[in-house]
Amino acid sequence: MSKSSLSSEKLEFQLERLTSKHQKIDARVCELDGRLSLTADEETELQQLKKEKLALKDELAGLTSR
């Protein structure tokens, strides 16, 4: 297997892993956003999830622009 092919496989695996994680976080964000009210802990969780989701989006964008 060539080095390029191996790198391509690693990149694809990384993209799949990050995309899956992003989708899971997005589902939780949607769940929390859909509630009428949140506890203080849920508010904190929501803010942390949104930051993590944005960081993952940036990481995905960086990988796909290669």
PDB file of N, CA and C in Angstrom:
ATOM      1  N   MET A   1       0.857  -1.179   0.000  1.00  0.00           N
ATOM      2  CA  MET A   1       0.000   0.000   0.000  1.00  0.00           C
ATOM      3  C   MET A   1       0.898   1.236   0.000  1.00  0.00           C
ATOM      4  N   SER A   2       0.594   2.191  -0.841  1.00  0.00           N
ATOM      5  CA  SER A   2       1.428   3.376  -0.949  1.00  0.00           C
ATOM      6  C   SER A   2       1.207   4.313   0.230  1.00  0.00           C
ATOM      7  N   LYS A   3       2.201   5.168   0.441  1.00  0.00           N
ATOM      8  CA  LYS A   3       2.125   6.137   1.536  1.00  0.00           C
ATOM      9  C   LYS A   3       0.940   7.077   1.342  1.00  0.00           C
ATOM     10  N   SER A   4       0.690   7.468   0.097  1.00  0.00           N
ATOM     11  CA  SER A   4      -0.427   8.366  -0.208  1.00  0.00           C
ATOM     12  C   SER A   4      -1.763   7.710   0.114  1.00  0.00           C
ATOM     13  N   SER A   5      -1.880   6.440  -0.226  1.00  0.00           N
ATOM     14  CA  SER A   5      -3.112   5.699   0.043  1.00  0.00           C
ATOM     15  C   SER A   5      -3.335   5.551   1.543  1.00  0.00           C
ATOM     16  N   LEU A   6      -2.268   5.280   2.272  1.00  0.00           N
ATOM     17  CA  LEU A   6      -2.364   5.145   3.720  1.00  0.00           C
ATOM     18  C   LEU A   6      -2.767   6.474   4.350  1.00  0.00           C
ATOM     19  N   SER A   7      -2.168   7.554   3.897  1.00  0.00           N
ATOM     20  CA  SER A   7      -2.514   8.877   4.415  1.00  0.00           C
ATOM     21  C   SER A   7      -3.958   9.207   4.106  1.00  0.00           C
ATOM     22  N   SER A   8      -4.402   8.829   2.931  1.00  0.00           N
ATOM     23  CA  SER A   8      -5.783   9.073   2.533  1.00  0.00           C
ATOM     24  C   SER A   8      -6.743   8.293   3.424  1.00  0.00           C
ATOM     25  N   GLU A   9      -6.386   7.063   3.745  1.00  0.00           N
ATOM     26  CA  GLU A   9      -7.221   6.240   4.625  1.00  0.00           C
ATOM     27  C   GLU A   9      -7.265   6.816   6.036  1.00  0.00           C
ATOM     28  N   LYS A  10      -6.121   7.284   6.524  1.00  0.00           N
ATOM     29  CA  LYS A  10      -6.071   7.894   7.854  1.00  0.00           C
ATOM     30  C   LYS A  10      -6.932   9.151   7.890  1.00  0.00           C
ATOM     31  N   LEU A  11      -6.847   9.940   6.836  1.00  0.00           N
ATOM     32  CA  LEU A  11      -7.625  11.168   6.755  1.00  0.00           C
ATOM     33  C   LEU A  11      -9.116  10.852   6.734  1.00  0.00           C
ATOM     34  N   GLU A  12      -9.496   9.868   5.950  1.00  0.00           N
ATOM     35  CA  GLU A  12     -10.907   9.487   5.873  1.00  0.00           C
ATOM     36  C   GLU A  12     -11.416   8.971   7.223  1.00  0.00           C
ATOM     37  N   PHE A  13     -10.611   8.170   7.900  1.00  0.00           N
ATOM     38  CA  PHE A  13     -10.992   7.666   9.222  1.00  0.00           C
ATOM     39  C   PHE A  13     -11.177   8.823  10.195  1.00  0.00           C
ATOM     40  N   GLN A  14     -10.249   9.772  10.165  1.00  0.00           N
ATOM     41  CA  GLN A  14     -10.322  10.935  11.046  1.00  0.00           C
ATOM     42  C   GLN A  14     -11.569  11.764  10.740  1.00  0.00           C
ATOM     43  N   LEU A  15     -11.865  11.951   9.462  1.00  0.00           N
ATOM     44  CA  LEU A  15     -13.059  12.705   9.074  1.00  0.00           C
ATOM     45  C   LEU A  15     -14.327  12.015   9.565  1.00  0.00           C
ATOM     46  N   GLU A  16     -14.389  10.710   9.415  1.00  0.00           N
ATOM     47  CA  GLU A  16     -15.562   9.953   9.873  1.00  0.00           C
ATOM     48  C   GLU A  16     -15.729  10.052  11.385  1.00  0.00           C
ATOM     49  N   ARG A  17     -14.621   9.939  12.097  1.00  0.00           N
ATOM     50  CA  ARG A  17     -14.658  10.012  13.563  1.00  0.00           C
ATOM     51  C   ARG A  17     -15.129  11.394  14.025  1.00  0.00           C
ATOM     52  N   LEU A  18     -14.575  12.436  13.435  1.00  0.00           N
ATOM     53  CA  LEU A  18     -14.954  13.798  13.819  1.00  0.00           C
ATOM     54  C   LEU A  18     -16.393  14.111  13.427  1.00  0.00           C
ATOM     55  N   THR A  19     -16.808  13.647  12.261  1.00  0.00           N
ATOM     56  CA  THR A  19     -18.182  13.877  11.811  1.00  0.00           C
ATOM     57  C   THR A  19     -19.170  13.190  12.743  1.00  0.00           C
ATOM     58  N   SER A  20     -18.859  11.976  13.140  1.00  0.00           N
ATOM     59  CA  SER A  20     -19.727  11.241  14.062  1.00  0.00           C
ATOM     60  C   SER A  20     -19.834  11.963  15.402  1.00  0.00           C
ATOM     61  N   LYS A  21     -18.705  12.408  15.911  1.00  0.00           N
ATOM     62  CA  LYS A  21     -18.703  13.131  17.186  1.00  0.00           C
ATOM     63  C   LYS A  21     -19.501  14.430  17.059  1.00  0.00           C
ATOM     64  N   HIS A  22     -19.330  15.134  15.947  1.00  0.00           N
ATOM     65  CA  HIS A  22     -20.056  16.384  15.703  1.00  0.00           C
ATOM     66  C   HIS A  22     -21.561  16.129  15.680  1.00  0.00           C
ATOM     67  N   GLN A  23     -21.980  15.051  15.038  1.00  0.00           N
ATOM     68  CA  GLN A  23     -23.407  14.721  14.959  1.00  0.00           C
ATOM     69  C   GLN A  23     -23.990  14.395  16.333  1.00  0.00           C
ATOM     70  N   LYS A  24     -23.233  13.683  17.150  1.00  0.00           N
ATOM     71  CA  LYS A  24     -23.700  13.351  18.501  1.00  0.00           C
ATOM     72  C   LYS A  24     -23.855  14.611  19.345  1.00  0.00           C
ATOM     73  N   ILE A  25     -22.888  15.502  19.237  1.00  0.00           N
ATOM     74  CA  ILE A  25     -22.970  16.760  19.981  1.00  0.00           C
ATOM     75  C   ILE A  25     -24.144  17.583  19.478  1.00  0.00           C
ATOM     76  N   ASP A  26     -24.323  17.626  18.163  1.00  0.00           N
ATOM     77  CA  ASP A  26     -25.432  18.384  17.581  1.00  0.00           C
ATOM     78  C   ASP A  26     -26.779  17.860  18.082  1.00  0.00           C
ATOM     79  N   ALA A  27     -26.903  16.557  18.185  1.00  0.00           N
ATOM     80  CA  ALA A  27     -28.154  15.966  18.676  1.00  0.00           C
ATOM     81  C   ALA A  27     -28.425  16.396  20.111  1.00  0.00           C
ATOM     82  N   ARG A  28     -27.396  16.401  20.937  1.00  0.00           N
ATOM     83  CA  ARG A  28     -27.570  16.820  22.337  1.00  0.00           C
ATOM     84  C   ARG A  28     -27.892  18.318  22.414  1.00  0.00           C
ATOM     85  N   VAL A  29     -27.235  19.125  21.594  1.00  0.00           N
ATOM     86  CA  VAL A  29     -27.515  20.567  21.563  1.00  0.00           C
ATOM     87  C   VAL A  29     -28.970  20.800  21.170  1.00  0.00           C
ATOM     88  N   CYS A  30     -29.431  20.098  20.160  1.00  0.00           N
ATOM     89  CA  CYS A  30     -30.828  20.234  19.719  1.00  0.00           C
ATOM     90  C   CYS A  30     -31.791  19.817  20.827  1.00  0.00           C
ATOM     91  N   GLU A  31     -31.441  18.746  21.530  1.00  0.00           N
ATOM     92  CA  GLU A  31     -32.286  18.283  22.630  1.00  0.00           C
ATOM     93  C   GLU A  31     -32.395  19.363  23.713  1.00  0.00           C
ATOM     94  N   LEU A  32     -31.266  19.936  24.089  1.00  0.00           N
ATOM     95  CA  LEU A  32     -31.277  20.966  25.127  1.00  0.00           C
ATOM     96  C   LEU A  32     -31.961  22.243  24.643  1.00  0.00           C
ATOM     97  N   ASP A  33     -31.710  22.621  23.390  1.00  0.00           N
ATOM     98  CA  ASP A  33     -32.336  23.824  22.829  1.00  0.00           C
ATOM     99  C   ASP A  33     -33.853  23.690  22.745  1.00  0.00           C
ATOM    100  N   GLY A  34     -34.337  22.474  22.638  1.00  0.00           N
ATOM    101  CA  GLY A  34     -35.767  22.246  22.504  1.00  0.00           C
ATOM    102  C   GLY A  34     -36.535  22.307  23.816  1.00  0.00           C
ATOM    103  N   ARG A  35     -35.829  22.377  24.896  1.00  0.00           N
ATOM    104  CA  ARG A  35     -36.491  22.427  26.204  1.00  0.00           C
ATOM    105  C   ARG A  35     -36.963  23.846  26.509  1.00  0.00           C
ATOM    106  N   LEU A  36     -38.038  23.938  27.253  1.00  0.00           N
ATOM    107  CA  LEU A  36     -38.571  25.250  27.632  1.00  0.00           C
ATOM    108  C   LEU A  36     -37.670  25.956  28.637  1.00  0.00           C
ATOM    109  N   SER A  37     -37.089  25.195  29.536  1.00  0.00           N
ATOM    110  CA  SER A  37     -36.171  25.789  30.508  1.00  0.00           C
ATOM    111  C   SER A  37     -35.059  24.799  30.811  1.00  0.00           C
ATOM    112  N   LEU A  38     -33.920  25.354  31.208  1.00  0.00           N
ATOM    113  CA  LEU A  38     -32.755  24.531  31.516  1.00  0.00           C
ATOM    114  C   LEU A  38     -32.282  24.829  32.931  1.00  0.00           C
ATOM    115  N   THR A  39     -31.727  23.810  33.565  1.00  0.00           N
ATOM    116  CA  THR A  39     -31.099  24.031  34.864  1.00  0.00           C
ATOM    117  C   THR A  39     -29.767  24.744  34.621  1.00  0.00           C
ATOM    118  N   ALA A  40     -29.164  25.224  35.673  1.00  0.00           N
ATOM    119  CA  ALA A  40     -27.862  25.888  35.547  1.00  0.00           C
ATOM    120  C   ALA A  40     -26.826  24.923  34.967  1.00  0.00           C
ATOM    121  N   ASP A  41     -26.869  23.673  35.404  1.00  0.00           N
ATOM    122  CA  ASP A  41     -25.933  22.670  34.881  1.00  0.00           C
ATOM    123  C   ASP A  41     -26.162  22.423  33.393  1.00  0.00           C
ATOM    124  N   GLU A  42     -27.416  22.389  32.982  1.00  0.00           N
ATOM    125  CA  GLU A  42     -27.729  22.179  31.567  1.00  0.00           C
ATOM    126  C   GLU A  42     -27.302  23.381  30.729  1.00  0.00           C
ATOM    127  N   GLU A  43     -27.456  24.582  31.263  1.00  0.00           N
ATOM    128  CA  GLU A  43     -26.990  25.791  30.560  1.00  0.00           C
ATOM    129  C   GLU A  43     -25.485  25.717  30.334  1.00  0.00           C
ATOM    130  N   THR A  44     -24.768  25.314  31.384  1.00  0.00           N
ATOM    131  CA  THR A  44     -23.315  25.175  31.288  1.00  0.00           C
ATOM    132  C   THR A  44     -22.952  24.102  30.269  1.00  0.00           C
ATOM    133  N   GLU A  45     -23.634  22.974  30.331  1.00  0.00           N
ATOM    134  CA  GLU A  45     -23.393  21.886  29.378  1.00  0.00           C
ATOM    135  C   GLU A  45     -23.641  22.359  27.952  1.00  0.00           C
ATOM    136  N   LEU A  46     -24.727  23.087  27.746  1.00  0.00           N
ATOM    137  CA  LEU A  46     -25.073  23.575  26.412  1.00  0.00           C
ATOM    138  C   LEU A  46     -23.978  24.486  25.864  1.00  0.00           C
ATOM    139  N   GLN A  47     -23.492  25.398  26.680  1.00  0.00           N
ATOM    140  CA  GLN A  47     -22.436  26.304  26.232  1.00  0.00           C
ATOM    141  C   GLN A  47     -21.154  25.540  25.897  1.00  0.00           C
ATOM    142  N   GLN A  48     -20.797  24.561  26.725  1.00  0.00           N
ATOM    143  CA  GLN A  48     -19.602  23.758  26.465  1.00  0.00           C
ATOM    144  C   GLN A  48     -19.759  22.938  25.184  1.00  0.00           C
ATOM    145  N   LEU A  49     -20.945  22.375  24.996  1.00  0.00           N
ATOM    146  CA  LEU A  49     -21.197  21.590  23.787  1.00  0.00           C
ATOM    147  C   LEU A  49     -21.107  22.452  22.539  1.00  0.00           C
ATOM    148  N   LYS A  50     -21.641  23.656  22.605  1.00  0.00           N
ATOM    149  CA  LYS A  50     -21.585  24.558  21.450  1.00  0.00           C
ATOM    150  C   LYS A  50     -20.142  24.918  21.110  1.00  0.00           C
ATOM    151  N   LYS A  51     -19.315  25.144  22.119  1.00  0.00           N
ATOM    152  CA  LYS A  51     -17.898  25.445  21.884  1.00  0.00           C
ATOM    153  C   LYS A  51     -17.190  24.240  21.264  1.00  0.00           C
ATOM    154  N   GLU A  52     -17.465  23.057  21.812  1.00  0.00           N
ATOM    155  CA  GLU A  52     -16.845  21.836  21.294  1.00  0.00           C
ATOM    156  C   GLU A  52     -17.294  21.567  19.857  1.00  0.00           C
ATOM    157  N   LYS A  53     -18.565  21.804  19.592  1.00  0.00           N
ATOM    158  CA  LYS A  53     -19.113  21.596  18.251  1.00  0.00           C
ATOM    159  C   LYS A  53     -18.433  22.530  17.249  1.00  0.00           C
ATOM    160  N   LEU A  54     -18.239  23.780  17.637  1.00  0.00           N
ATOM    161  CA  LEU A  54     -17.574  24.740  16.760  1.00  0.00           C
ATOM    162  C   LEU A  54     -16.119  24.348  16.516  1.00  0.00           C
ATOM    163  N   ALA A  55     -15.436  23.895  17.562  1.00  0.00           N
ATOM    164  CA  ALA A  55     -14.048  23.459  17.416  1.00  0.00           C
ATOM    165  C   ALA A  55     -13.954  22.265  16.464  1.00  0.00           C
ATOM    166  N   LEU A  56     -14.892  21.336  16.581  1.00  0.00           N
ATOM    167  CA  LEU A  56     -14.913  20.182  15.675  1.00  0.00           C
ATOM    168  C   LEU A  56     -15.178  20.622  14.243  1.00  0.00           C
ATOM    169  N   LYS A  57     -16.087  21.578  14.076  1.00  0.00           N
ATOM    170  CA  LYS A  57     -16.398  22.085  12.739  1.00  0.00           C
ATOM    171  C   LYS A  57     -15.154  22.714  12.115  1.00  0.00           C
ATOM    172  N   ASP A  58     -14.413  23.486  12.907  1.00  0.00           N
ATOM    173  CA  ASP A  58     -13.176  24.095  12.419  1.00  0.00           C
ATOM    174  C   ASP A  58     -12.145  23.029  12.052  1.00  0.00           C
ATOM    175  N   GLU A  59     -12.036  22.002  12.889  1.00  0.00           N
ATOM    176  CA  GLU A  59     -11.089  20.919  12.618  1.00  0.00           C
ATOM    177  C   GLU A  59     -11.471  20.170  11.338  1.00  0.00           C
ATOM    178  N   LEU A  60     -12.756  19.912  11.170  1.00  0.00           N
ATOM    179  CA  LEU A  60     -13.232  19.254   9.949  1.00  0.00           C
ATOM    180  C   LEU A  60     -12.942  20.111   8.723  1.00  0.00           C
ATOM    181  N   ALA A  61     -13.181  21.399   8.836  1.00  0.00           N
ATOM    182  CA  ALA A  61     -12.925  22.305   7.713  1.00  0.00           C
ATOM    183  C   ALA A  61     -11.443  22.304   7.354  1.00  0.00           C
ATOM    184  N   GLY A  62     -10.592  22.274   8.359  1.00  0.00           N
ATOM    185  CA  GLY A  62      -9.153  22.230   8.113  1.00  0.00           C
ATOM    186  C   GLY A  62      -8.727  20.955   7.414  1.00  0.00           C
ATOM    187  N   LEU A  63      -9.326  19.844   7.786  1.00  0.00           N
ATOM    188  CA  LEU A  63      -8.974  18.567   7.161  1.00  0.00           C
ATOM    189  C   LEU A  63      -9.488  18.478   5.727  1.00  0.00           C
ATOM    190  N   THR A  64     -10.664  19.013   5.486  1.00  0.00           N
ATOM    191  CA  THR A  64     -11.241  18.903   4.143  1.00  0.00           C
ATOM    192  C   THR A  64     -10.631  19.899   3.166  1.00  0.00           C
ATOM    193  N   SER A  65      -9.932  20.906   3.668  1.00  0.00           N
ATOM    194  CA  SER A  65      -9.330  21.887   2.764  1.00  0.00           C
ATOM    195  C   SER A  65      -7.954  21.446   2.280  1.00  0.00           C
ATOM    196  N   ARG A  66      -7.489  20.301   2.757  1.00  0.00           N
ATOM    197  CA  ARG A  66      -6.166  19.787   2.350  1.00  0.00           C
ATOM    198  C   ARG A  66      -6.184  19.285   0.942  1.00  0.00           C
TER     199      ARG A  66
END
